[in-house]
Protein backbone atom coordinates (compact mmCIF):
# COMPACT_ATOMS: atom_id res chain seq x y z
CA UNK A 1 -0.08 -0.06 0.29
CA UNK A 2 2.37 2.40 1.32
CA UNK A 3 5.45 3.68 -1.40
CA UNK A 4 7.89 3.53 2.01
CA UNK A 5 7.01 3.31 5.14
CA UNK A 6 7.85 5.85 7.92
CA UNK A 7 8.24 5.48 11.86
CA UNK A 8 5.88 7.89 13.33
CA UNK A 9 6.34 8.57 17.25
CA UNK A 10 3.74 10.38 19.42
CA UNK A 11 4.84 11.79 22.90
CA UNK A 12 4.39 14.09 25.58
CA UNK A 13 2.90 14.62 28.47
CA UNK A 14 -0.10 15.56 26.84
CA UNK A 15 -3.22 14.34 26.30
CA UNK A 16 -3.78 12.58 22.61
CA UNK A 17 -1.06 10.32 21.88
CA UNK A 18 -3.05 7.12 21.23
CA UNK A 19 -6.29 9.05 19.83
CA UNK A 20 -4.16 10.60 17.29
CA UNK A 21 -2.52 6.87 16.46
CA UNK A 22 -5.66 5.38 16.52
CA UNK A 23 -7.11 8.30 14.13
CA UNK A 24 -3.97 7.33 11.73
CA UNK A 25 -5.19 3.62 12.07
CA UNK A 26 -9.00 4.52 11.09
CA UNK A 27 -7.69 6.45 8.28
CA UNK A 28 -4.96 3.76 6.73
CA UNK A 29 -7.83 1.29 7.33
CA UNK A 30 -10.35 3.08 4.95
CA UNK A 31 -7.74 2.89 2.42
CA UNK A 32 -7.49 -0.59 2.39
CA UNK A 33 -4.71 -0.82 4.74
CA UNK A 34 -4.14 -3.94 6.92
CA UNK A 35 -3.45 -2.49 10.39
CA UNK A 36 -2.16 -3.72 13.98
CA UNK A 37 -2.68 -1.74 17.07
CA UNK A 38 -0.36 -3.40 20.01
CA UNK A 39 -1.60 -2.39 23.32
CA UNK A 40 1.56 -2.48 25.38
CA UNK A 41 0.66 -2.08 29.39
CA UNK A 42 -3.10 -2.04 28.66
CA UNK A 43 -4.16 -5.29 30.04
CA UNK A 44 -7.51 -7.28 28.04
CA UNK A 45 -9.10 -6.52 31.70
CA UNK A 46 -8.84 -2.87 31.21
CA UNK A 47 -11.97 -1.21 30.11
CA UNK A 48 -10.75 0.97 27.30
CA UNK A 49 -13.55 1.96 24.79
CA UNK A 50 -11.80 1.66 21.67
CA UNK A 51 -10.94 -1.86 22.31
CA UNK A 52 -14.83 -2.42 23.30
CA UNK A 53 -15.74 -1.00 19.32
CA UNK A 54 -12.25 -2.71 17.71
CA UNK A 55 -12.82 -6.07 19.49
CA UNK A 56 -16.72 -5.74 18.13
CA UNK A 57 -14.65 -6.52 14.71
CA UNK A 58 -17.20 -3.30 13.54
CA UNK A 59 -13.54 -1.83 11.52
CA UNK A 60 -12.32 -4.24 8.71
CA UNK A 61 -8.25 -3.72 8.35
CA UNK A 62 -7.65 -3.51 11.70
CA UNK A 63 -6.71 -6.07 14.70
CA UNK A 64 -6.18 -5.42 18.19
CA UNK A 65 -3.85 -7.05 20.56
CA UNK A 66 -3.13 -6.45 24.01
CA UNK A 67 0.03 -7.47 25.74
CA UNK A 68 -1.05 -10.41 27.72
CA UNK A 69 0.73 -9.65 31.12
CA UNK A 70 -0.75 -8.33 34.13
CA UNK A 71 -0.26 -4.62 35.11
CA UNK A 72 -1.30 -2.24 37.12
CA UNK A 73 -0.14 1.36 36.42
CA UNK A 74 0.22 2.28 40.19
CA UNK A 75 1.54 -0.89 42.07
CA UNK A 76 2.98 -2.91 38.64
CA UNK A 77 6.35 -0.26 39.33
CA UNK A 78 7.16 -1.10 42.12
CA UNK A 79 6.70 -5.00 41.95
CA UNK A 80 10.21 -6.28 41.23
CA UNK A 81 8.50 -9.77 40.13
CA UNK A 82 5.71 -8.15 37.96
CA UNK A 83 8.50 -6.02 36.39
CA UNK A 84 10.25 -8.98 35.05
CA UNK A 85 7.45 -11.23 34.14
CA UNK A 86 6.04 -7.70 32.12
CA UNK A 87 9.74 -6.76 30.71
CA UNK A 88 9.78 -11.15 29.60
CA UNK A 89 6.41 -10.30 27.68
CA UNK A 90 7.14 -7.35 26.07
CA UNK A 91 10.60 -8.79 24.83
CA UNK A 92 8.85 -11.76 23.23
CA UNK A 93 6.45 -9.31 21.78
CA UNK A 94 9.25 -7.27 19.91
CA UNK A 95 10.49 -10.41 18.42
CA UNK A 96 6.84 -11.68 17.13
CA UNK A 97 6.27 -7.64 16.12
CA UNK A 98 9.52 -7.70 14.05
CA UNK A 99 8.24 -10.81 12.40
CA UNK A 100 5.56 -9.54 11.32
CA UNK A 101 7.10 -5.97 10.10
CA UNK A 102 9.76 -7.90 8.12
CA UNK A 103 7.24 -10.30 6.63
CA UNK A 104 4.64 -7.27 5.95
CA UNK A 105 1.85 -9.27 8.00
CA UNK A 106 0.90 -5.44 8.14
CA UNK A 107 1.15 -2.22 6.11
CA UNK A 108 0.52 -0.13 9.80
CA UNK A 109 1.72 -1.25 13.19
CA UNK A 110 1.17 1.02 16.12
CA UNK A 111 2.90 0.14 19.28
CA UNK A 112 0.82 1.96 22.14
CA UNK A 113 2.58 3.00 24.84
CA UNK A 114 5.88 1.62 23.55
CA UNK A 115 7.98 4.80 24.18
CA UNK A 116 6.51 4.39 27.84
CA UNK A 117 7.48 0.96 27.90
CA UNK A 118 10.93 2.23 26.94
CA UNK A 119 11.68 4.74 29.35
CA UNK A 120 10.84 2.80 32.16
CA UNK A 121 13.72 0.03 31.31
CA UNK A 122 10.33 -2.24 30.19
CA UNK A 123 11.25 -2.51 26.67
CA UNK A 124 14.81 -2.55 25.14
CA UNK A 125 16.13 -0.25 22.88
CA UNK A 126 18.00 -2.97 20.78
CA UNK A 127 14.66 -5.00 20.73
CA UNK A 128 13.40 -1.41 19.35
CA UNK A 129 16.04 -0.94 17.18
CA UNK A 130 16.14 -4.57 15.50
CA UNK A 131 11.95 -3.80 14.69
CA UNK A 132 12.42 -0.55 13.23
CA UNK A 133 15.51 -1.69 10.99
CA UNK A 134 14.22 -4.85 9.58
CA UNK A 135 10.48 -4.56 9.27
CA UNK A 136 9.89 -4.06 5.19
CA UNK A 137 10.20 -0.98 3.32
CA UNK A 138 6.66 -0.51 3.04
CA UNK A 139 5.87 -0.89 6.59
CA UNK A 140 4.32 2.37 8.58
CA UNK A 141 5.67 2.19 12.86
CA UNK A 142 3.32 4.57 14.72
CA UNK A 143 4.86 4.26 18.77
CA UNK A 144 3.00 6.30 21.38
CA UNK A 145 4.10 6.73 24.85
CA UNK A 146 5.14 9.69 27.22
CA UNK A 147 9.04 10.45 27.42
CA UNK A 148 10.92 9.40 23.94
CA UNK A 149 14.05 9.50 24.12
CA UNK A 150 16.77 11.50 21.79
CA UNK A 151 17.71 8.11 20.30
CA UNK A 152 14.76 7.23 19.77
CA UNK A 153 13.35 10.29 18.42
CA UNK A 154 16.66 10.53 15.97
CA UNK A 155 15.35 6.98 14.48
CA UNK A 156 11.86 8.29 13.52
CA UNK A 157 10.74 10.07 10.69
CA UNK A 158 8.11 11.69 12.41
CA UNK A 159 7.72 13.19 16.12
CA UNK A 160 4.94 14.89 17.37
CA UNK A 161 4.99 15.86 21.35
CA UNK A 162 2.13 16.11 22.71
CA UNK A 163 2.16 19.23 25.52
CA UNK A 164 -0.76 19.89 27.51
CA UNK A 165 -1.35 23.86 28.24
CA UNK A 166 -4.29 23.23 30.34
CA UNK A 167 -6.15 19.75 31.66
CA UNK A 168 -9.04 19.23 34.05
CA UNK A 169 -6.76 16.52 36.01
CA UNK A 170 -4.79 19.74 36.87
CA UNK A 171 -7.69 20.23 39.25
CA UNK A 172 -8.78 16.99 40.53
CA UNK A 173 -11.09 15.88 37.50
CA UNK A 174 -10.78 12.22 36.99
CA UNK A 175 -10.38 10.51 33.76
CA UNK A 176 -13.84 9.84 31.97
CA UNK A 177 -15.47 7.13 30.54
CA UNK A 178 -15.66 7.53 26.51
CA UNK A 179 -13.42 10.54 26.84
CA UNK A 180 -9.68 9.62 28.25
CA UNK A 181 -11.01 5.84 28.09
């Protein structure tokens, strides 16, 4: 589908990284692309709206997968056993994704929250580098999450930083179902 696949990074402390990647996925699928959205650190039991919609099979051309490892953003970072399990699972997932990108099983592959995983040493930069370097040249990669390193941004063709100017969270508002998740 694509003459040349690019590497895109959506990062920053502002809202909208996953939302932008999902919008790109819808657009690509609308033009006949085969898209994989792989959500890291958003386990299957986490009720996120996009998953409910996509798992219903309502959009042809988009496959959604999640890392099959329990994760709690507030508790898991302090649990050494949970960290070891998730590091292993992420490494295995990235190897599978490298194969999928190399063999061009998909035209677009979204790695949702992988940038956060890199920042917190849950994923290896070497694994990401291999994925980028070994992908078919027509495969588009989209990496989302806070905390993109300069090294990752240098490997990317497009980097967008979401910057929060004002957000209701700053005033103690809770995340809203259907809007933030």
